[in-house]
Amino acid sequence: MATSKIAVYSLSDLKNTTDDALPNYLTSLKFKQSHVLTDVRLALSSTAVIIAAITFYADYKLGWDATKQGTFWALIVYFILNGALTYWIWGVEKGRIFNGEGKDGALLSISSSTQKYSPIYYLKVKTSASSTADPTTSEISSPFTRWFDSDGYFVVKPFQQWLASEIAMIGDADPKTVEAAKKVREGYVELRDGDVKVVEKNESQGNGPGKKAPSEKIRERSRKNLKL
C-alpha cells in the first residue's frame, strides 16, 4: 500500500524515503539495530552547537574585550568538532542506513547510495556470522520505479520483496515475502492494496480473435504496476 507521496523527479526525496523505509522493515522482522554511529554523530554536532551558543551568550553579556580569548579557543574547538563530524559522516558512516544483527546474532550492515541524474538505488551489504568472522560483501541495485508509482507514492510490498529476495539474511527472516516475490516474477499474481492474490496458471482462454487468457491479462497488469 502506498504510504507517502514525494516529488518523483527529486532524487534526494526518493533516496531519503527509501532509506527511512529500510530500517523500519528490518526492525519489524526483529532485527536489532545499533545506534552507535548515529549517537556519535549527534554528540559531535550537539557539542559544536552548544559551544557556539555559549560563546554567543558570553559575548552578548560580557562584551568582546572580556571574551575574546575564550572565543578564540571556542572557535578552534568548534572547527575541530565540525571537522570530526565531517570525517565521521563521510569516512566512517559512508552512507550506512542500517547497522545491527539478526535473531541468531549474525551481523548485518547496509549502506545506500545514488549517482547523479540516475534513478537507481544502490545498496552495499555486509554480513558476517559473528563479530569475529570475516564479513561477506555484496552489492545490489534497482530503479526507484520498482517501489514508487507514477504519482510519487511509496509502495511498501515491492520494496520489501526486492530486499527479501536479494539479501539472503533478510529472506531467511521473511520467507513469505520471498515466496511472494517469486510469484510476482513468474507473473501469476495481482497486487491489490499491497496484498498478493495468487492466480491459477491454467485459466481458460477467452473467445474470439485478439482475446487473451485472464491470467495473461493479470500478468501484464502486475508487471506494469511494479515497473518490472
Protein backbone atom coordinates (compact mmCIF):
# COMPACT_ATOMS: atom_id res chain seq x y z
CA MET A 1 0.00 0.00 0.00
CA ALA A 2 1.24 3.47 -0.83
CA THR A 3 2.16 5.29 2.37
CA SER A 4 3.67 8.65 1.42
CA LYS A 5 3.95 10.96 -1.56
CA ILE A 6 7.11 12.69 -2.74
CA ALA A 7 8.31 14.55 -5.83
CA VAL A 8 9.11 11.84 -8.36
CA TYR A 9 11.83 13.98 -10.00
CA SER A 10 13.68 14.63 -6.73
CA LEU A 11 16.44 12.05 -6.39
CA SER A 12 17.12 13.07 -2.79
CA ASP A 13 13.44 12.60 -1.84
CA LEU A 14 13.37 9.18 -3.48
CA LYS A 15 16.52 8.10 -1.65
CA ASN A 16 15.60 9.56 1.74
CA THR A 17 12.15 7.98 1.72
CA THR A 18 13.63 4.61 0.77
CA ASP A 19 16.41 4.95 3.35
CA ASP A 20 13.80 5.52 6.06
CA ALA A 21 11.74 2.52 4.99
CA LEU A 22 14.59 0.01 5.08
CA PRO A 23 15.38 0.01 8.83
CA ASN A 24 11.65 0.10 9.62
CA TYR A 25 11.21 -3.12 7.65
CA LEU A 26 14.19 -4.83 9.28
CA THR A 27 13.18 -3.92 12.82
CA SER A 28 9.70 -5.32 12.08
CA LEU A 29 11.48 -8.63 11.38
CA LYS A 30 13.10 -8.47 14.85
CA PHE A 31 16.49 -7.28 13.61
CA LYS A 32 18.21 -5.34 16.38
CA GLN A 33 19.57 -2.02 15.15
CA SER A 34 22.70 -0.47 16.62
CA HIS A 35 22.54 3.32 17.03
CA VAL A 36 26.20 3.86 17.90
CA LEU A 37 27.03 5.63 14.64
CA THR A 38 24.04 7.95 14.93
CA ASP A 39 24.75 8.65 18.61
CA VAL A 40 28.33 9.70 17.88
CA ARG A 41 27.19 11.99 15.06
CA LEU A 42 24.58 13.62 17.30
CA ALA A 43 27.10 14.04 20.10
CA LEU A 44 29.59 15.81 17.83
CA SER A 45 27.01 18.10 16.23
CA SER A 46 25.26 18.90 19.53
CA THR A 47 28.54 19.75 21.27
CA ALA A 48 29.51 22.12 18.45
CA VAL A 49 26.13 23.87 18.65
CA ILE A 50 26.35 24.19 22.44
CA ILE A 51 29.83 25.74 22.22
CA ALA A 52 28.62 28.25 19.63
CA ALA A 53 25.59 29.15 21.76
CA ILE A 54 27.65 29.64 24.93
CA THR A 55 30.20 31.77 23.08
CA PHE A 56 27.47 33.97 21.61
CA TYR A 57 25.77 34.38 25.00
CA ALA A 58 29.04 35.24 26.78
CA ASP A 59 29.91 37.82 24.14
CA TYR A 60 26.42 39.33 24.38
CA LYS A 61 26.54 39.58 28.17
CA LEU A 62 30.21 40.40 28.84
CA GLY A 63 31.36 42.12 25.65
CA TRP A 64 34.16 41.39 23.20
CA ASP A 65 37.08 42.55 25.33
CA ALA A 66 36.21 40.19 28.18
CA THR A 67 35.53 37.16 25.98
CA LYS A 68 37.89 37.46 23.02
CA GLN A 69 40.43 34.96 24.38
CA GLY A 70 37.73 32.44 25.27
CA THR A 71 36.10 33.00 21.89
CA PHE A 72 39.39 32.22 20.15
CA TRP A 73 39.70 28.83 21.84
CA ALA A 74 36.00 28.10 21.45
CA LEU A 75 36.34 28.79 17.72
CA ILE A 76 39.23 26.34 17.46
CA VAL A 77 37.27 23.62 19.28
CA TYR A 78 34.21 24.34 17.12
CA PHE A 79 36.13 23.82 13.88
CA ILE A 80 37.78 20.68 15.26
CA LEU A 81 34.37 19.25 16.12
CA ASN A 82 32.98 20.12 12.68
CA GLY A 83 35.99 18.51 11.04
CA ALA A 84 35.49 15.39 13.13
CA LEU A 85 31.79 15.38 12.23
CA THR A 86 32.56 15.64 8.52
CA TYR A 87 35.05 12.79 8.76
CA TRP A 88 32.58 10.69 10.73
CA ILE A 89 29.81 11.14 8.15
CA TRP A 90 31.94 10.54 5.04
CA GLY A 91 34.74 8.36 6.40
CA VAL A 92 33.02 6.16 8.96
CA GLU A 93 29.27 6.07 8.27
CA LYS A 94 29.74 6.14 4.47
CA GLY A 95 26.03 6.23 3.75
CA ARG A 96 25.20 3.47 6.23
CA ILE A 97 21.47 3.29 6.89
CA PHE A 98 21.36 0.09 8.95
CA ASN A 99 23.84 -1.50 11.30
CA GLY A 100 22.68 -4.32 13.54
CA GLU A 101 22.14 -8.03 13.97
CA GLY A 102 19.55 -10.71 13.36
CA LYS A 103 17.90 -13.12 15.77
CA ASP A 104 20.81 -15.57 15.56
CA GLY A 105 23.41 -12.89 16.28
CA ALA A 106 24.62 -12.60 12.68
CA LEU A 107 25.70 -9.06 11.81
CA LEU A 108 24.18 -7.00 9.01
CA SER A 109 25.36 -3.64 7.69
CA ILE A 110 23.71 -1.84 4.76
CA SER A 111 24.87 1.36 3.04
CA SER A 112 22.91 3.18 0.35
CA SER A 113 23.94 5.50 -2.46
CA THR A 114 22.79 7.02 -5.74
CA GLN A 115 24.52 8.50 -8.75
CA LYS A 116 23.82 11.97 -10.10
CA TYR A 117 20.88 12.09 -12.55
CA SER A 118 20.38 8.31 -12.27
CA PRO A 119 17.16 6.99 -10.64
CA ILE A 120 18.90 3.82 -9.45
CA TYR A 121 19.12 2.82 -5.79
CA TYR A 122 22.38 1.10 -4.82
CA LEU A 123 22.93 -0.94 -1.66
CA LYS A 124 26.22 -2.26 -0.31
CA VAL A 125 25.53 -5.17 2.02
CA LYS A 126 27.94 -6.64 4.55
CA THR A 127 27.06 -9.77 6.51
CA SER A 128 29.01 -11.91 8.94
CA ALA A 129 28.15 -14.79 11.24
CA SER A 130 29.68 -13.01 14.24
CA SER A 131 31.88 -10.06 15.19
CA THR A 132 35.00 -12.21 14.80
CA ALA A 133 34.05 -13.77 11.45
CA ASP A 134 35.17 -12.34 8.10
CA PRO A 135 32.37 -10.29 6.52
CA THR A 136 30.87 -11.05 3.12
CA THR A 137 30.19 -8.03 0.92
CA SER A 138 27.71 -7.80 -1.93
CA GLU A 139 26.11 -5.01 -3.95
CA ILE A 140 22.59 -4.82 -5.33
CA SER A 141 20.65 -2.15 -7.17
CA SER A 142 17.20 -1.43 -8.55
CA PRO A 143 15.35 1.52 -10.10
CA PHE A 144 13.17 3.56 -7.74
CA THR A 145 10.22 2.94 -10.08
CA ARG A 146 10.10 -0.57 -8.69
CA TRP A 147 8.51 0.71 -5.46
CA PHE A 148 7.36 4.25 -6.34
CA ASP A 149 4.32 4.70 -8.55
CA SER A 150 3.97 7.45 -11.16
CA ASP A 151 2.27 9.78 -8.64
CA GLY A 152 5.19 9.61 -6.19
CA TYR A 153 3.68 7.20 -3.67
CA PHE A 154 5.98 4.74 -1.96
CA VAL A 155 4.62 1.19 -2.26
CA VAL A 156 5.88 -0.99 0.56
CA LYS A 157 5.42 -4.55 -0.69
CA PRO A 158 7.57 -4.38 -3.86
CA PHE A 159 10.40 -2.81 -1.87
CA GLN A 160 10.25 -5.48 0.83
CA GLN A 161 10.05 -8.22 -1.80
CA TRP A 162 13.18 -6.88 -3.50
CA LEU A 163 15.14 -6.80 -0.25
CA ALA A 164 14.00 -10.24 0.89
CA SER A 165 14.76 -11.86 -2.45
CA GLU A 166 18.16 -10.20 -2.91
CA ILE A 167 19.60 -10.38 0.64
CA ALA A 168 19.65 -13.93 1.99
CA MET A 169 19.76 -12.88 5.64
CA ILE A 170 16.56 -10.86 5.22
CA GLY A 171 14.94 -13.58 3.14
CA ASP A 172 15.61 -16.13 5.88
CA ALA A 173 13.80 -13.86 8.34
CA ASP A 174 10.85 -13.26 5.99
CA PRO A 175 10.27 -16.36 3.81
CA LYS A 176 6.67 -15.39 3.00
CA THR A 177 7.84 -12.21 1.29
CA VAL A 178 10.45 -14.20 -0.66
CA GLU A 179 7.70 -16.53 -1.89
CA ALA A 180 5.51 -13.57 -2.84
CA ALA A 181 8.41 -12.01 -4.78
CA LYS A 182 8.91 -15.27 -6.64
CA LYS A 183 5.26 -15.37 -7.66
CA VAL A 184 5.43 -11.76 -8.86
CA ARG A 185 8.47 -12.56 -11.03
CA GLU A 186 6.65 -15.56 -12.50
CA GLY A 187 3.72 -13.30 -13.32
CA TYR A 188 0.98 -15.23 -11.53
CA VAL A 189 -0.09 -12.58 -9.05
CA GLU A 190 -2.02 -9.37 -8.90
CA LEU A 191 -1.23 -6.69 -6.31
CA ARG A 192 -4.25 -5.23 -4.57
CA ASP A 193 -3.55 -2.74 -1.76
CA GLY A 194 -0.23 -4.40 -1.07
CA ASP A 195 -1.67 -7.93 -0.84
CA VAL A 196 -0.76 -10.78 -3.15
CA LYS A 197 -3.51 -12.69 -4.91
CA VAL A 198 -2.39 -15.96 -6.48
CA VAL A 199 -3.95 -16.63 -9.89
CA GLU A 200 -4.18 -20.11 -11.32
CA LYS A 201 -1.92 -20.67 -14.30
CA ASN A 202 -4.40 -22.82 -16.25
CA GLU A 203 -7.31 -20.42 -16.55
CA SER A 204 -9.46 -20.84 -19.65
CA GLN A 205 -8.84 -18.75 -22.73
CA GLY A 206 -11.26 -16.04 -23.82
CA ASN A 207 -13.30 -16.49 -27.00
CA GLY A 208 -12.89 -14.54 -30.19
CA PRO A 209 -9.96 -13.01 -32.03
CA GLY A 210 -7.47 -10.99 -30.03
CA LYS A 211 -8.69 -12.45 -26.71
CA LYS A 212 -6.13 -13.37 -24.08
CA ALA A 213 -6.34 -15.72 -21.15
CA PRO A 214 -7.42 -13.92 -17.93
CA SER A 215 -4.19 -14.97 -16.25
CA GLU A 216 -2.23 -13.38 -19.08
CA LYS A 217 -4.07 -10.09 -18.63
CA ILE A 218 -3.33 -10.14 -14.89
CA ARG A 219 0.35 -10.79 -15.51
CA GLU A 220 0.55 -7.75 -17.76
CA ARG A 221 -1.19 -5.58 -15.18
CA SER A 222 1.05 -6.76 -12.36
CA ARG A 223 4.24 -6.05 -14.27
CA LYS A 224 3.01 -2.61 -15.29
CA ASN A 225 2.18 -1.71 -11.68
CA LEU A 226 5.55 -2.93 -10.42
CA LYS A 227 7.58 -1.47 -13.30
CA LEU A 228 9.22 -4.88 -13.78
